[in-house]
């Protein structure tokens, strides 16, 4: 199960996504990647699972700063899960209040389409977290463990996070390069990237969960 989660899932998902980009029609891609579509549903479900694990960790783990760490993770995961379904709008299909629709870029009942501070800025922080926590720290643990401060051993991830982190950051890098060339391979790379960023969070919390259970 562990190998399936940290290696199988991210690799299979990107292969499926590449096949979709090459062979699927634009109508199919639009259906899969539109607001409230399958990709956003997977994102919401992933972050809700992350919320449950982070809440468990915040309650069960010992140490005030560790409780704070996982408490923040729980709140962030709950916020993202709610935002991805517009706090239920994509489930129950209510109309956005007129006043809110005027300040929301996509006329939805969420915060992340109202300001960069609720979407782009937090995502940049998460991307830095994926780079540091999913690539730099695991590689240091493998090859230069003495370089890592021991006081944070309890929250370090390991090599299990590398495949997801590498795919996520490769998506971001390729999109940046291709955007500069005014060419795009992915229909909506932002949705694919978000799925990997959120899966990284859930995967990190899963292995923290297993560590605490032991």
Foldseek 3Di string as FASTA:
>chain_A
DLCCLLPVVLVVVVVVQLCCLVPPDPVVQCQQPPQLHVLLLLLLVLLVLLLVLLVVQLVQPDDDVSVVVSVVSNVVSNLSSCQSCLNCCSPVVDAQPPVVLVQAPNRGNHDVRRDCVNPVVVVVVLLVCLCVQQPVQQVCVVPPVVVDDPVCVLQHDHPSRNSLSVVLVVLVVVVVVVVVVVDDSHPDSVSVSSSSSSSSSSSSSVVSSVVSVD
